[in-house]
Amino acid sequence: MALPRLSGRKPSGKPGRGAGPADVGAPPLVPSTPRPLGVGPARADCASAPRWRCSLPPTVRRSLQSRGGSAMVAALFGCWFRVGGTRSAVAGPTVVQTSMSRSQVGLLGLVLLLMLLLYVGLPGPPEQTSWLWGNPNVTILAGLTPGNPPIFYREVLPLHQARRVQVLLLHGQAFNSHTWEQLGTLQLLAQRGYRAVALDLPGFGNSAPSKEASTEAGRAELLERVLRDLEVHNAVLVSPSLSGHYALPFLMRGHHQLHGFVPIAPVSTQNYTQEQFWAVKTPTLILYGELDRVLAQESLRQLRHLPNHSVVKLHNAGHACYLHKPKDFHLVLLAFLDRLP
C-alpha cells in the first residue's frame, strides 16, 4: 500500500502562491522534532529498546513484552526481520516496512522446531563412562607391611558386598603403586566390590631397596610374605613389565595360592621352560599392546604354553597399554575378574 507523503511548509502570515481558500487563516505548521533514523511515529517506543526488538513488528513486540518471551526466540526473530525484511525510505520521517511470506513463516517454524528437538533429544553421556574411571570418593589407605624390609602399599576396600577374589597390583620400571591410583584402577575395583592392594616394589616409590630382591627365590618369598602379612586371599596377580621378575618366580612356586594371573608383557618369561608353564593351571589373562612389537611378542610366545589362558590385544596401545587405553584395559580386566569362580 502506498504510503502518504508527509510534507511541511514554512509558517507564514500570508497565503502562499497557489494556496486555496482553505489555507487562508489555517494555523501555522510546527516543525517536527527530529528523530533518529528509522524511528517513525509508529516506532516511538523503540528509541531506547534493543535493535533486535525494534526490528520486530509491533504485534510481535507487544506479545514478547506481555509474555516475557524467550530471549533466544526473540533474537532469532530479530535476525530474521533484519535480514529478510524490506525497507523503503521516503521523504520526511523514515518508515520501516517489514513483511514475511507464508513460506518464510513456515521455514522459521521448522527451524525453531528442529532446535527444540535437538535440545530435548540429544543423548547424554554413556552411563558406563562414569564407572570406567572409578569413583573419586573412594578412600585409599596406605601403609607399610610389618616384614623386614617393609613394603609400602596402597589399599582399597570394596564399597559394596565383597567379592571372593582380591587383586594384587604390581608395576613396571617407570611406575609405582601411585600409578594405579592415578589411573583410577584402585577406585574402580573398590566400586565393583573388589579389595585391591598395590605395592611399591623394593627400590621404587616409598619402599627401600632390599637384598631379598637380588635372587629369584628371594623375590618369590617377598610376594608370599606380602600376601600373608596383608591377609590377601584368593589373589589375582596383575604383573606388568619389570614386575615379571617377581610374579613369574612366584607363579612357578606358589601358583596354587593364586586365583588368577594377569601378565602384561612381563620380563623373565625366557627363564622358564615350556614344561614349567604347562604345569601352571591358574586362569590367566594375557594382555599386551598392539604397538609393543618386542617384549610383548617375546613374552607371548612363552605365556601361550599356559594351559588355561586367554589373550587380549589392545589396539593402538604400546608397552604400557593400560596407560594408553585405560578404558579398554579396565573393561577387559573387570570381565576377567567377574568370570572367576
C-alpha atoms as a PDB file:
ATOM      1  CA  MET A   1       0.000   0.000   0.000  1.00  0.00           C
ATOM      2  CA  ALA A   2       1.428   3.374  -0.941  1.00  0.00           C
ATOM      3  CA  LEU A   3       2.498   5.490   1.963  1.00  0.00           C
ATOM      4  CA  PRO A   4       1.133   9.069   2.205  1.00  0.00           C
ATOM      5  CA  ARG A   5       3.822  11.644   1.663  1.00  0.00           C
ATOM      6  CA  LEU A   6       4.184  13.947   4.637  1.00  0.00           C
ATOM      7  CA  SER A   7       5.288  17.482   3.870  1.00  0.00           C
ATOM      8  CA  GLY A   8       5.966  20.533   5.937  1.00  0.00           C
ATOM      9  CA  ARG A   9       5.661  24.197   4.990  1.00  0.00           C
ATOM     10  CA  LYS A  10       7.187  27.283   6.477  1.00  0.00           C
ATOM     11  CA  PRO A  11       4.775  29.198   8.650  1.00  0.00           C
ATOM     12  CA  SER A  12       3.603  32.400   7.022  1.00  0.00           C
ATOM     13  CA  GLY A  13       1.051  35.068   7.776  1.00  0.00           C
ATOM     14  CA  LYS A  14       0.112  35.327   4.120  1.00  0.00           C
ATOM     15  CA  PRO A  15      -1.246  32.670   1.845  1.00  0.00           C
ATOM     16  CA  GLY A  16       1.400  31.298  -0.448  1.00  0.00           C
ATOM     17  CA  ARG A  17       1.354  31.113  -4.200  1.00  0.00           C
ATOM     18  CA  GLY A  18      -1.321  28.778  -5.405  1.00  0.00           C
ATOM     19  CA  ALA A  19      -2.858  28.454  -1.990  1.00  0.00           C
ATOM     20  CA  GLY A  20      -6.553  27.677  -1.887  1.00  0.00           C
ATOM     21  CA  PRO A  21      -9.102  29.308   0.310  1.00  0.00           C
ATOM     22  CA  ALA A  22      -8.885  26.548   2.822  1.00  0.00           C
ATOM     23  CA  ASP A  23      -5.284  27.513   3.547  1.00  0.00           C
ATOM     24  CA  VAL A  24      -6.152  31.033   4.462  1.00  0.00           C
ATOM     25  CA  GLY A  25      -6.257  31.518   8.193  1.00  0.00           C
ATOM     26  CA  ALA A  26      -5.007  27.982   8.927  1.00  0.00           C
ATOM     27  CA  PRO A  27      -2.756  27.674  11.941  1.00  0.00           C
ATOM     28  CA  PRO A  28       0.936  27.620  11.107  1.00  0.00           C
ATOM     29  CA  LEU A  29       2.655  24.207  10.946  1.00  0.00           C
ATOM     30  CA  VAL A  30       5.150  23.450  13.701  1.00  0.00           C
ATOM     31  CA  PRO A  31       8.369  21.750  12.545  1.00  0.00           C
ATOM     32  CA  SER A  32       8.584  18.117  13.596  1.00  0.00           C
ATOM     33  CA  THR A  33      11.022  17.172  16.328  1.00  0.00           C
ATOM     34  CA  PRO A  34      13.998  15.381  14.679  1.00  0.00           C
ATOM     35  CA  ARG A  35      14.005  11.597  15.342  1.00  0.00           C
ATOM     36  CA  PRO A  36      16.799   9.116  14.918  1.00  0.00           C
ATOM     37  CA  LEU A  37      16.992   7.425  11.532  1.00  0.00           C
ATOM     38  CA  GLY A  38      14.456   4.657  11.271  1.00  0.00           C
ATOM     39  CA  VAL A  39      12.247   5.904  14.145  1.00  0.00           C
ATOM     40  CA  GLY A  40       8.851   6.971  12.916  1.00  0.00           C
ATOM     41  CA  PRO A  41       5.649   7.798  14.722  1.00  0.00           C
ATOM     42  CA  ALA A  42       4.725   4.118  14.896  1.00  0.00           C
ATOM     43  CA  ARG A  43       8.137   3.238  16.384  1.00  0.00           C
ATOM     44  CA  ALA A  44       8.481   5.834  19.128  1.00  0.00           C
ATOM     45  CA  ASP A  45       8.739   3.057  21.723  1.00  0.00           C
ATOM     46  CA  CYS A  46      11.889   1.758  20.045  1.00  0.00           C
ATOM     47  CA  ALA A  47      14.108   4.710  20.803  1.00  0.00           C
ATOM     48  CA  SER A  48      15.596   3.050  23.882  1.00  0.00           C
ATOM     49  CA  ALA A  49      14.876  -0.613  23.018  1.00  0.00           C
ATOM     50  CA  PRO A  50      17.465  -3.098  21.736  1.00  0.00           C
ATOM     51  CA  ARG A  51      17.966  -3.114  17.994  1.00  0.00           C
ATOM     52  CA  TRP A  52      16.615  -6.634  17.541  1.00  0.00           C
ATOM     53  CA  ARG A  53      13.391  -5.775  19.359  1.00  0.00           C
ATOM     54  CA  CYS A  54      12.853  -2.687  17.202  1.00  0.00           C
ATOM     55  CA  SER A  55      13.175  -4.889  14.118  1.00  0.00           C
ATOM     56  CA  LEU A  56      10.028  -6.780  15.108  1.00  0.00           C
ATOM     57  CA  PRO A  57       6.507  -5.823  14.043  1.00  0.00           C
ATOM     58  CA  PRO A  58       4.524  -4.015  16.779  1.00  0.00           C
ATOM     59  CA  THR A  59       2.250  -7.020  17.383  1.00  0.00           C
ATOM     60  CA  VAL A  60       5.239  -9.340  17.910  1.00  0.00           C
ATOM     61  CA  ARG A  61       6.919  -6.830  20.226  1.00  0.00           C
ATOM     62  CA  ARG A  62       3.789  -6.458  22.338  1.00  0.00           C
ATOM     63  CA  SER A  63       3.425 -10.241  22.530  1.00  0.00           C
ATOM     64  CA  LEU A  64       7.007 -10.714  23.693  1.00  0.00           C
ATOM     65  CA  GLN A  65       6.700  -7.937  26.255  1.00  0.00           C
ATOM     66  CA  SER A  66       3.427  -9.269  27.667  1.00  0.00           C
ATOM     67  CA  ARG A  67       4.534 -12.900  27.786  1.00  0.00           C
ATOM     68  CA  GLY A  68       8.180 -12.396  28.734  1.00  0.00           C
ATOM     69  CA  GLY A  69       9.211 -14.310  25.558  1.00  0.00           C
ATOM     70  CA  SER A  70      12.455 -16.222  25.315  1.00  0.00           C
ATOM     71  CA  ALA A  71      15.451 -14.069  24.528  1.00  0.00           C
ATOM     72  CA  MET A  72      16.732 -16.703  22.145  1.00  0.00           C
ATOM     73  CA  VAL A  73      13.449 -16.824  20.164  1.00  0.00           C
ATOM     74  CA  ALA A  74      13.247 -13.054  20.076  1.00  0.00           C
ATOM     75  CA  ALA A  75      16.815 -12.824  18.852  1.00  0.00           C
ATOM     76  CA  LEU A  76      16.022 -15.297  16.092  1.00  0.00           C
ATOM     77  CA  PHE A  77      13.019 -13.228  15.060  1.00  0.00           C
ATOM     78  CA  GLY A  78      15.103 -10.070  15.150  1.00  0.00           C
ATOM     79  CA  CYS A  79      17.803 -11.560  12.944  1.00  0.00           C
ATOM     80  CA  TRP A  80      15.146 -12.820  10.523  1.00  0.00           C
ATOM     81  CA  PHE A  81      13.412  -9.465  10.209  1.00  0.00           C
ATOM     82  CA  ARG A  82      16.681  -7.578   9.788  1.00  0.00           C
ATOM     83  CA  VAL A  83      17.854  -9.882   7.011  1.00  0.00           C
ATOM     84  CA  GLY A  84      14.590 -10.848   5.371  1.00  0.00           C
ATOM     85  CA  GLY A  85      12.576  -7.669   5.827  1.00  0.00           C
ATOM     86  CA  THR A  86      12.215  -4.889   3.273  1.00  0.00           C
ATOM     87  CA  ARG A  87      12.898  -1.281   3.957  1.00  0.00           C
ATOM     88  CA  SER A  88      11.667   1.689   1.958  1.00  0.00           C
ATOM     89  CA  ALA A  89      12.730   5.216   2.708  1.00  0.00           C
ATOM     90  CA  VAL A  90      10.537   8.197   1.842  1.00  0.00           C
ATOM     91  CA  ALA A  91      10.983  11.872   2.302  1.00  0.00           C
ATOM     92  CA  GLY A  92      10.327  13.073   5.785  1.00  0.00           C
ATOM     93  CA  PRO A  93      10.271  10.746   8.805  1.00  0.00           C
ATOM     94  CA  THR A  94      11.564   7.271   7.892  1.00  0.00           C
ATOM     95  CA  VAL A  95       9.088   4.403   7.994  1.00  0.00           C
ATOM     96  CA  VAL A  96      10.257   0.764   8.008  1.00  0.00           C
ATOM     97  CA  GLN A  97       8.146  -1.868   6.332  1.00  0.00           C
ATOM     98  CA  THR A  98       8.689  -5.475   7.442  1.00  0.00           C
ATOM     99  CA  SER A  99       6.920  -8.326   5.798  1.00  0.00           C
ATOM    100  CA  MET A 100       7.110 -12.140   5.783  1.00  0.00           C
ATOM    101  CA  SER A 101       5.552 -14.550   3.335  1.00  0.00           C
ATOM    102  CA  ARG A 102       3.808 -17.709   4.464  1.00  0.00           C
ATOM    103  CA  SER A 103       6.707 -19.814   3.231  1.00  0.00           C
ATOM    104  CA  GLN A 104       9.142 -17.776   5.328  1.00  0.00           C
ATOM    105  CA  VAL A 105       6.969 -18.162   8.405  1.00  0.00           C
ATOM    106  CA  GLY A 106       6.770 -21.903   7.818  1.00  0.00           C
ATOM    107  CA  LEU A 107      10.533 -22.178   7.376  1.00  0.00           C
ATOM    108  CA  LEU A 108      11.155 -20.245  10.583  1.00  0.00           C
ATOM    109  CA  GLY A 109       8.756 -22.528  12.430  1.00  0.00           C
ATOM    110  CA  LEU A 110      10.622 -25.592  11.147  1.00  0.00           C
ATOM    111  CA  VAL A 111      13.956 -24.136  12.302  1.00  0.00           C
ATOM    112  CA  LEU A 112      12.594 -23.469  15.793  1.00  0.00           C
ATOM    113  CA  LEU A 113      11.058 -26.955  15.968  1.00  0.00           C
ATOM    114  CA  LEU A 114      14.356 -28.531  14.914  1.00  0.00           C
ATOM    115  CA  MET A 115      16.250 -26.614  17.621  1.00  0.00           C
ATOM    116  CA  LEU A 116      13.733 -27.759  20.233  1.00  0.00           C
ATOM    117  CA  LEU A 117      14.021 -31.392  19.138  1.00  0.00           C
ATOM    118  CA  LEU A 118      17.815 -31.224  19.231  1.00  0.00           C
ATOM    119  CA  TYR A 119      17.767 -29.733  22.717  1.00  0.00           C
ATOM    120  CA  VAL A 120      15.328 -32.318  24.078  1.00  0.00           C
ATOM    121  CA  GLY A 121      16.511 -35.334  22.146  1.00  0.00           C
ATOM    122  CA  LEU A 122      20.304 -35.136  22.350  1.00  0.00           C
ATOM    123  CA  PRO A 123      21.578 -38.171  24.283  1.00  0.00           C
ATOM    124  CA  GLY A 124      23.533 -37.677  27.484  1.00  0.00           C
ATOM    125  CA  PRO A 125      26.963 -39.234  28.094  1.00  0.00           C
ATOM    126  CA  PRO A 126      27.016 -43.021  28.112  1.00  0.00           C
ATOM    127  CA  GLU A 127      26.267 -44.441  31.534  1.00  0.00           C
ATOM    128  CA  GLN A 128      29.346 -46.654  31.503  1.00  0.00           C
ATOM    129  CA  THR A 129      31.900 -43.887  31.112  1.00  0.00           C
ATOM    130  CA  SER A 130      31.426 -42.762  34.726  1.00  0.00           C
ATOM    131  CA  TRP A 131      32.318 -46.084  36.318  1.00  0.00           C
ATOM    132  CA  LEU A 132      35.133 -46.829  33.853  1.00  0.00           C
ATOM    133  CA  TRP A 133      37.201 -44.184  35.596  1.00  0.00           C
ATOM    134  CA  GLY A 134      36.265 -45.223  39.116  1.00  0.00           C
ATOM    135  CA  ASN A 135      34.710 -43.344  41.993  1.00  0.00           C
ATOM    136  CA  PRO A 136      36.848 -40.361  43.080  1.00  0.00           C
ATOM    137  CA  ASN A 137      35.329 -40.538  46.579  1.00  0.00           C
ATOM    138  CA  VAL A 138      36.858 -43.943  47.375  1.00  0.00           C
ATOM    139  CA  THR A 139      39.154 -43.843  50.418  1.00  0.00           C
ATOM    140  CA  ILE A 140      42.643 -45.107  49.585  1.00  0.00           C
ATOM    141  CA  LEU A 141      44.551 -46.473  52.563  1.00  0.00           C
ATOM    142  CA  ALA A 142      48.350 -46.559  52.721  1.00  0.00           C
ATOM    143  CA  GLY A 143      50.828 -48.311  54.960  1.00  0.00           C
ATOM    144  CA  LEU A 144      53.916 -50.493  55.352  1.00  0.00           C
ATOM    145  CA  THR A 145      53.990 -54.250  55.729  1.00  0.00           C
ATOM    146  CA  PRO A 146      55.376 -55.497  59.085  1.00  0.00           C
ATOM    147  CA  GLY A 147      58.129 -57.548  57.417  1.00  0.00           C
ATOM    148  CA  ASN A 148      61.789 -56.650  57.064  1.00  0.00           C
ATOM    149  CA  PRO A 149      62.274 -54.697  54.917  1.00  0.00           C
ATOM    150  CA  PRO A 150      58.792 -53.153  54.995  1.00  0.00           C
ATOM    151  CA  ILE A 151      56.981 -52.781  51.691  1.00  0.00           C
ATOM    152  CA  PHE A 152      54.838 -49.723  51.050  1.00  0.00           C
ATOM    153  CA  TYR A 153      51.323 -50.389  49.761  1.00  0.00           C
ATOM    154  CA  ARG A 154      48.066 -48.665  48.868  1.00  0.00           C
ATOM    155  CA  GLU A 155      44.789 -50.429  49.531  1.00  0.00           C
ATOM    156  CA  VAL A 156      41.089 -50.025  48.825  1.00  0.00           C
ATOM    157  CA  LEU A 157      38.224 -51.930  50.383  1.00  0.00           C
ATOM    158  CA  PRO A 158      35.056 -52.877  48.490  1.00  0.00           C
ATOM    159  CA  LEU A 159      32.292 -50.282  48.623  1.00  0.00           C
ATOM    160  CA  HIS A 160      29.575 -52.913  48.311  1.00  0.00           C
ATOM    161  CA  GLN A 161      29.276 -56.601  49.035  1.00  0.00           C
ATOM    162  CA  ALA A 162      32.788 -58.030  48.843  1.00  0.00           C
ATOM    163  CA  ARG A 163      33.620 -60.465  46.084  1.00  0.00           C
ATOM    164  CA  ARG A 164      35.603 -63.597  46.701  1.00  0.00           C
ATOM    165  CA  VAL A 165      38.796 -62.709  44.821  1.00  0.00           C
ATOM    166  CA  GLN A 166      41.220 -59.929  45.796  1.00  0.00           C
ATOM    167  CA  VAL A 167      43.600 -58.122  43.468  1.00  0.00           C
ATOM    168  CA  LEU A 168      47.347 -57.555  43.962  1.00  0.00           C
ATOM    169  CA  LEU A 169      48.768 -54.921  41.576  1.00  0.00           C
ATOM    170  CA  LEU A 170      52.490 -54.703  40.767  1.00  0.00           C
ATOM    171  CA  HIS A 171      54.116 -52.098  38.493  1.00  0.00           C
ATOM    172  CA  GLY A 172      56.687 -51.508  35.757  1.00  0.00           C
ATOM    173  CA  GLN A 173      60.116 -49.865  35.675  1.00  0.00           C
ATOM    174  CA  ALA A 174      58.962 -46.242  35.472  1.00  0.00           C
ATOM    175  CA  PHE A 175      56.000 -46.540  37.847  1.00  0.00           C
ATOM    176  CA  ASN A 176      54.879 -47.414  41.380  1.00  0.00           C
ATOM    177  CA  SER A 177      51.679 -48.028  43.332  1.00  0.00           C
ATOM    178  CA  HIS A 178      50.532 -44.445  42.795  1.00  0.00           C
ATOM    179  CA  THR A 179      50.092 -45.224  39.078  1.00  0.00           C
ATOM    180  CA  TRP A 180      47.073 -47.404  39.838  1.00  0.00           C
ATOM    181  CA  GLU A 181      45.518 -44.622  41.896  1.00  0.00           C
ATOM    182  CA  GLN A 182      46.100 -42.002  39.190  1.00  0.00           C
ATOM    183  CA  LEU A 183      44.677 -44.329  36.569  1.00  0.00           C
ATOM    184  CA  GLY A 184      41.546 -44.918  38.672  1.00  0.00           C
ATOM    185  CA  THR A 185      42.073 -48.680  38.813  1.00  0.00           C
ATOM    186  CA  LEU A 186      42.037 -48.886  42.609  1.00  0.00           C
ATOM    187  CA  GLN A 187      38.886 -46.790  42.860  1.00  0.00           C
ATOM    188  CA  LEU A 188      37.150 -48.774  40.141  1.00  0.00           C
ATOM    189  CA  LEU A 189      37.935 -52.131  41.737  1.00  0.00           C
ATOM    190  CA  ALA A 190      36.570 -50.915  45.079  1.00  0.00           C
ATOM    191  CA  GLN A 191      33.426 -49.682  43.388  1.00  0.00           C
ATOM    192  CA  ARG A 192      32.933 -53.075  41.766  1.00  0.00           C
ATOM    193  CA  GLY A 193      33.263 -54.915  45.066  1.00  0.00           C
ATOM    194  CA  TYR A 194      36.931 -55.961  44.995  1.00  0.00           C
ATOM    195  CA  ARG A 195      39.561 -55.460  47.648  1.00  0.00           C
ATOM    196  CA  ALA A 196      42.742 -54.319  45.881  1.00  0.00           C
ATOM    197  CA  VAL A 197      46.333 -53.799  47.055  1.00  0.00           C
ATOM    198  CA  ALA A 198      49.022 -52.013  45.016  1.00  0.00           C
ATOM    199  CA  LEU A 199      52.678 -52.417  46.022  1.00  0.00           C
ATOM    200  CA  ASP A 200      55.794 -50.300  45.703  1.00  0.00           C
ATOM    201  CA  LEU A 201      58.372 -52.943  44.813  1.00  0.00           C
ATOM    202  CA  PRO A 202      61.736 -52.707  46.651  1.00  0.00           C
ATOM    203  CA  GLY A 203      63.705 -49.682  45.466  1.00  0.00           C
ATOM    204  CA  PHE A 204      60.634 -47.953  43.954  1.00  0.00           C
ATOM    205  CA  GLY A 205      58.311 -45.316  45.343  1.00  0.00           C
ATOM    206  CA  ASN A 206      58.265 -45.462  49.152  1.00  0.00           C
ATOM    207  CA  SER A 207      59.865 -48.903  49.505  1.00  0.00           C
ATOM    208  CA  ALA A 208      63.543 -49.155  50.333  1.00  0.00           C
ATOM    209  CA  PRO A 209      65.856 -51.448  48.353  1.00  0.00           C
ATOM    210  CA  SER A 210      66.109 -54.993  49.630  1.00  0.00           C
ATOM    211  CA  LYS A 211      68.774 -57.676  49.427  1.00  0.00           C
ATOM    212  CA  GLU A 212      65.940 -60.157  49.310  1.00  0.00           C
ATOM    213  CA  ALA A 213      65.104 -58.909  45.800  1.00  0.00           C
ATOM    214  CA  SER A 214      68.521 -59.859  44.403  1.00  0.00           C
ATOM    215  CA  THR A 215      67.609 -63.535  43.852  1.00  0.00           C
ATOM    216  CA  GLU A 216      64.720 -65.285  42.157  1.00  0.00           C
ATOM    217  CA  ALA A 217      63.860 -67.257  45.280  1.00  0.00           C
ATOM    218  CA  GLY A 218      64.024 -64.091  47.412  1.00  0.00           C
ATOM    219  CA  ARG A 219      61.607 -62.230  45.117  1.00  0.00           C
ATOM    220  CA  ALA A 220      59.116 -65.106  45.211  1.00  0.00           C
ATOM    221  CA  GLU A 221      59.359 -65.249  49.023  1.00  0.00           C
ATOM    222  CA  LEU A 222      58.843 -61.480  49.223  1.00  0.00           C
ATOM    223  CA  LEU A 223      55.488 -61.712  47.405  1.00  0.00           C
ATOM    224  CA  GLU A 224      54.469 -64.685  49.506  1.00  0.00           C
ATOM    225  CA  ARG A 225      55.255 -62.745  52.682  1.00  0.00           C
ATOM    226  CA  VAL A 226      53.274 -59.683  51.496  1.00  0.00           C
ATOM    227  CA  LEU A 227      50.212 -61.826  50.773  1.00  0.00           C
ATOM    228  CA  ARG A 228      50.483 -63.393  54.193  1.00  0.00           C
ATOM    229  CA  ASP A 229      51.104 -60.150  56.120  1.00  0.00           C
ATOM    230  CA  LEU A 230      48.259 -58.291  54.401  1.00  0.00           C
ATOM    231  CA  GLU A 231      45.972 -61.329  54.523  1.00  0.00           C
ATOM    232  CA  VAL A 232      45.244 -61.236  50.807  1.00  0.00           C
ATOM    233  CA  HIS A 233      43.200 -64.338  49.918  1.00  0.00           C
ATOM    234  CA  ASN A 234      42.229 -65.787  46.535  1.00  0.00           C
ATOM    235  CA  ALA A 235      44.637 -63.346  44.952  1.00  0.00           C
ATOM    236  CA  VAL A 236      44.648 -62.280  41.316  1.00  0.00           C
ATOM    237  CA  LEU A 237      48.160 -61.045  40.471  1.00  0.00           C
ATOM    238  CA  VAL A 238      48.463 -58.210  37.907  1.00  0.00           C
ATOM    239  CA  SER A 239      52.045 -58.043  36.636  1.00  0.00           C
ATOM    240  CA  PRO A 240      53.215 -55.547  34.012  1.00  0.00           C
ATOM    241  CA  SER A 241      56.717 -55.447  32.511  1.00  0.00           C
ATOM    242  CA  LEU A 242      59.508 -55.290  35.147  1.00  0.00           C
ATOM    243  CA  SER A 243      57.346 -56.892  37.825  1.00  0.00           C
ATOM    244  CA  GLY A 244      57.683 -60.166  35.958  1.00  0.00           C
ATOM    245  CA  HIS A 245      60.942 -60.561  37.929  1.00  0.00           C
ATOM    246  CA  TYR A 246      58.688 -61.062  40.984  1.00  0.00           C
ATOM    247  CA  ALA A 247      55.487 -62.500  39.525  1.00  0.00           C
ATOM    248  CA  LEU A 248      56.908 -65.342  37.420  1.00  0.00           C
ATOM    249  CA  PRO A 249      59.082 -66.904  40.157  1.00  0.00           C
ATOM    250  CA  PHE A 250      56.086 -66.741  42.490  1.00  0.00           C
ATOM    251  CA  LEU A 251      53.829 -68.230  39.795  1.00  0.00           C
ATOM    252  CA  MET A 252      56.151 -71.199  39.301  1.00  0.00           C
ATOM    253  CA  ARG A 253      56.498 -71.871  43.015  1.00  0.00           C
ATOM    254  CA  GLY A 254      53.175 -70.818  44.514  1.00  0.00           C
ATOM    255  CA  HIS A 255      50.621 -70.771  41.712  1.00  0.00           C
ATOM    256  CA  HIS A 256      48.279 -72.773  43.940  1.00  0.00           C
ATOM    257  CA  GLN A 257      47.926 -69.587  46.050  1.00  0.00           C
ATOM    258  CA  LEU A 258      46.712 -67.586  43.054  1.00  0.00           C
ATOM    259  CA  HIS A 259      43.147 -67.419  41.852  1.00  0.00           C
ATOM    260  CA  GLY A 260      44.120 -65.624  38.654  1.00  0.00           C
ATOM    261  CA  PHE A 261      47.120 -64.172  36.800  1.00  0.00           C
ATOM    262  CA  VAL A 262      47.195 -61.102  34.509  1.00  0.00           C
ATOM    263  CA  PRO A 263      50.619 -60.692  32.836  1.00  0.00           C
ATOM    264  CA  ILE A 264      51.075 -57.519  30.757  1.00  0.00           C
ATOM    265  CA  ALA A 265      54.193 -58.092  28.619  1.00  0.00           C
ATOM    266  CA  PRO A 266      56.263 -59.208  31.641  1.00  0.00           C
ATOM    267  CA  VAL A 267      60.025 -59.763  31.633  1.00  0.00           C
ATOM    268  CA  SER A 268      61.734 -63.046  32.565  1.00  0.00           C
ATOM    269  CA  THR A 269      59.464 -65.364  30.579  1.00  0.00           C
ATOM    270  CA  GLN A 270      62.519 -66.721  28.767  1.00  0.00           C
ATOM    271  CA  ASN A 271      63.868 -68.089  32.070  1.00  0.00           C
ATOM    272  CA  TYR A 272      61.289 -70.888  32.177  1.00  0.00           C
ATOM    273  CA  THR A 273      60.670 -73.938  30.085  1.00  0.00           C
ATOM    274  CA  GLN A 274      57.586 -74.979  28.224  1.00  0.00           C
ATOM    275  CA  GLU A 275      57.064 -77.791  30.719  1.00  0.00           C
ATOM    276  CA  GLN A 276      57.127 -75.356  33.634  1.00  0.00           C
ATOM    277  CA  PHE A 277      54.400 -73.240  32.031  1.00  0.00           C
ATOM    278  CA  TRP A 278      52.321 -76.336  31.290  1.00  0.00           C
ATOM    279  CA  ALA A 279      52.307 -77.215  34.987  1.00  0.00           C
ATOM    280  CA  VAL A 280      50.554 -73.956  35.934  1.00  0.00           C
ATOM    281  CA  LYS A 281      46.756 -74.349  35.981  1.00  0.00           C
ATOM    282  CA  THR A 282      45.958 -70.805  37.146  1.00  0.00           C
ATOM    283  CA  PRO A 283      43.388 -68.947  34.969  1.00  0.00           C
ATOM    284  CA  THR A 284      45.421 -66.386  33.044  1.00  0.00           C
ATOM    285  CA  LEU A 285      44.563 -63.267  31.046  1.00  0.00           C
ATOM    286  CA  ILE A 286      47.473 -62.319  28.747  1.00  0.00           C
ATOM    287  CA  LEU A 287      47.289 -58.604  27.908  1.00  0.00           C
ATOM    288  CA  TYR A 288      49.529 -56.628  25.570  1.00  0.00           C
ATOM    289  CA  GLY A 289      49.534 -53.530  23.367  1.00  0.00           C
ATOM    290  CA  GLU A 290      49.374 -53.802  19.600  1.00  0.00           C
ATOM    291  CA  LEU A 291      52.317 -51.401  19.167  1.00  0.00           C
ATOM    292  CA  ASP A 292      54.608 -53.308  21.568  1.00  0.00           C
ATOM    293  CA  ARG A 293      56.487 -55.377  18.982  1.00  0.00           C
ATOM    294  CA  VAL A 294      59.409 -56.557  21.114  1.00  0.00           C
ATOM    295  CA  LEU A 295      58.757 -57.540  24.728  1.00  0.00           C
ATOM    296  CA  ALA A 296      55.063 -58.287  24.173  1.00  0.00           C
ATOM    297  CA  GLN A 297      55.799 -60.696  21.336  1.00  0.00           C
ATOM    298  CA  GLU A 298      58.640 -62.371  23.213  1.00  0.00           C
ATOM    299  CA  SER A 299      56.568 -62.918  26.367  1.00  0.00           C
ATOM    300  CA  LEU A 300      53.539 -64.025  24.369  1.00  0.00           C
ATOM    301  CA  ARG A 301      55.479 -66.889  22.780  1.00  0.00           C
ATOM    302  CA  GLN A 302      56.208 -68.302  26.232  1.00  0.00           C
ATOM    303  CA  LEU A 303      52.961 -67.459  28.016  1.00  0.00           C
ATOM    304  CA  ARG A 304      50.922 -69.263  25.374  1.00  0.00           C
ATOM    305  CA  HIS A 305      52.144 -72.501  26.962  1.00  0.00           C
ATOM    306  CA  LEU A 306      49.975 -71.825  29.996  1.00  0.00           C
ATOM    307  CA  PRO A 307      47.113 -74.321  29.613  1.00  0.00           C
ATOM    308  CA  ASN A 308      44.297 -72.102  30.946  1.00  0.00           C
ATOM    309  CA  HIS A 309      44.798 -68.743  29.252  1.00  0.00           C
ATOM    310  CA  SER A 310      43.101 -66.172  27.035  1.00  0.00           C
ATOM    311  CA  VAL A 311      44.797 -63.395  25.034  1.00  0.00           C
ATOM    312  CA  VAL A 312      43.636 -59.801  24.541  1.00  0.00           C
ATOM    313  CA  LYS A 313      45.435 -57.282  22.338  1.00  0.00           C
ATOM    314  CA  LEU A 314      44.691 -53.600  22.969  1.00  0.00           C
ATOM    315  CA  HIS A 315      44.713 -51.746  19.668  1.00  0.00           C
ATOM    316  CA  ASN A 316      46.785 -48.568  19.190  1.00  0.00           C
ATOM    317  CA  ALA A 317      48.489 -49.130  22.559  1.00  0.00           C
ATOM    318  CA  GLY A 318      52.167 -49.523  23.337  1.00  0.00           C
ATOM    319  CA  HIS A 319      54.109 -51.378  26.019  1.00  0.00           C
ATOM    320  CA  ALA A 320      52.250 -49.696  28.910  1.00  0.00           C
ATOM    321  CA  CYS A 321      48.921 -50.474  27.243  1.00  0.00           C
ATOM    322  CA  TYR A 322      46.937 -49.847  30.447  1.00  0.00           C
ATOM    323  CA  LEU A 323      48.060 -46.202  30.296  1.00  0.00           C
ATOM    324  CA  HIS A 324      47.397 -45.752  26.593  1.00  0.00           C
ATOM    325  CA  LYS A 325      43.959 -47.397  26.633  1.00  0.00           C
ATOM    326  CA  PRO A 326      42.743 -47.271  30.248  1.00  0.00           C
ATOM    327  CA  LYS A 327      39.044 -47.733  29.437  1.00  0.00           C
ATOM    328  CA  ASP A 328      39.694 -50.814  27.323  1.00  0.00           C
ATOM    329  CA  PHE A 329      42.076 -52.155  29.944  1.00  0.00           C
ATOM    330  CA  HIS A 330      39.540 -51.725  32.744  1.00  0.00           C
ATOM    331  CA  LEU A 331      36.755 -53.355  30.740  1.00  0.00           C
ATOM    332  CA  VAL A 332      38.892 -56.397  29.935  1.00  0.00           C
ATOM    333  CA  LEU A 333      40.224 -56.710  33.493  1.00  0.00           C
ATOM    334  CA  LEU A 334      36.765 -56.485  35.061  1.00  0.00           C
ATOM    335  CA  ALA A 335      35.344 -59.013  32.626  1.00  0.00           C
ATOM    336  CA  PHE A 336      38.110 -61.448  33.577  1.00  0.00           C
ATOM    337  CA  LEU A 337      37.632 -60.906  37.315  1.00  0.00           C
ATOM    338  CA  ASP A 338      33.867 -61.234  37.092  1.00  0.00           C
ATOM    339  CA  ARG A 339      34.172 -64.647  35.415  1.00  0.00           C
ATOM    340  CA  LEU A 340      36.375 -66.138  38.101  1.00  0.00           C
ATOM    341  CA  PRO A 341      34.567 -68.508  40.494  1.00  0.00           C
END
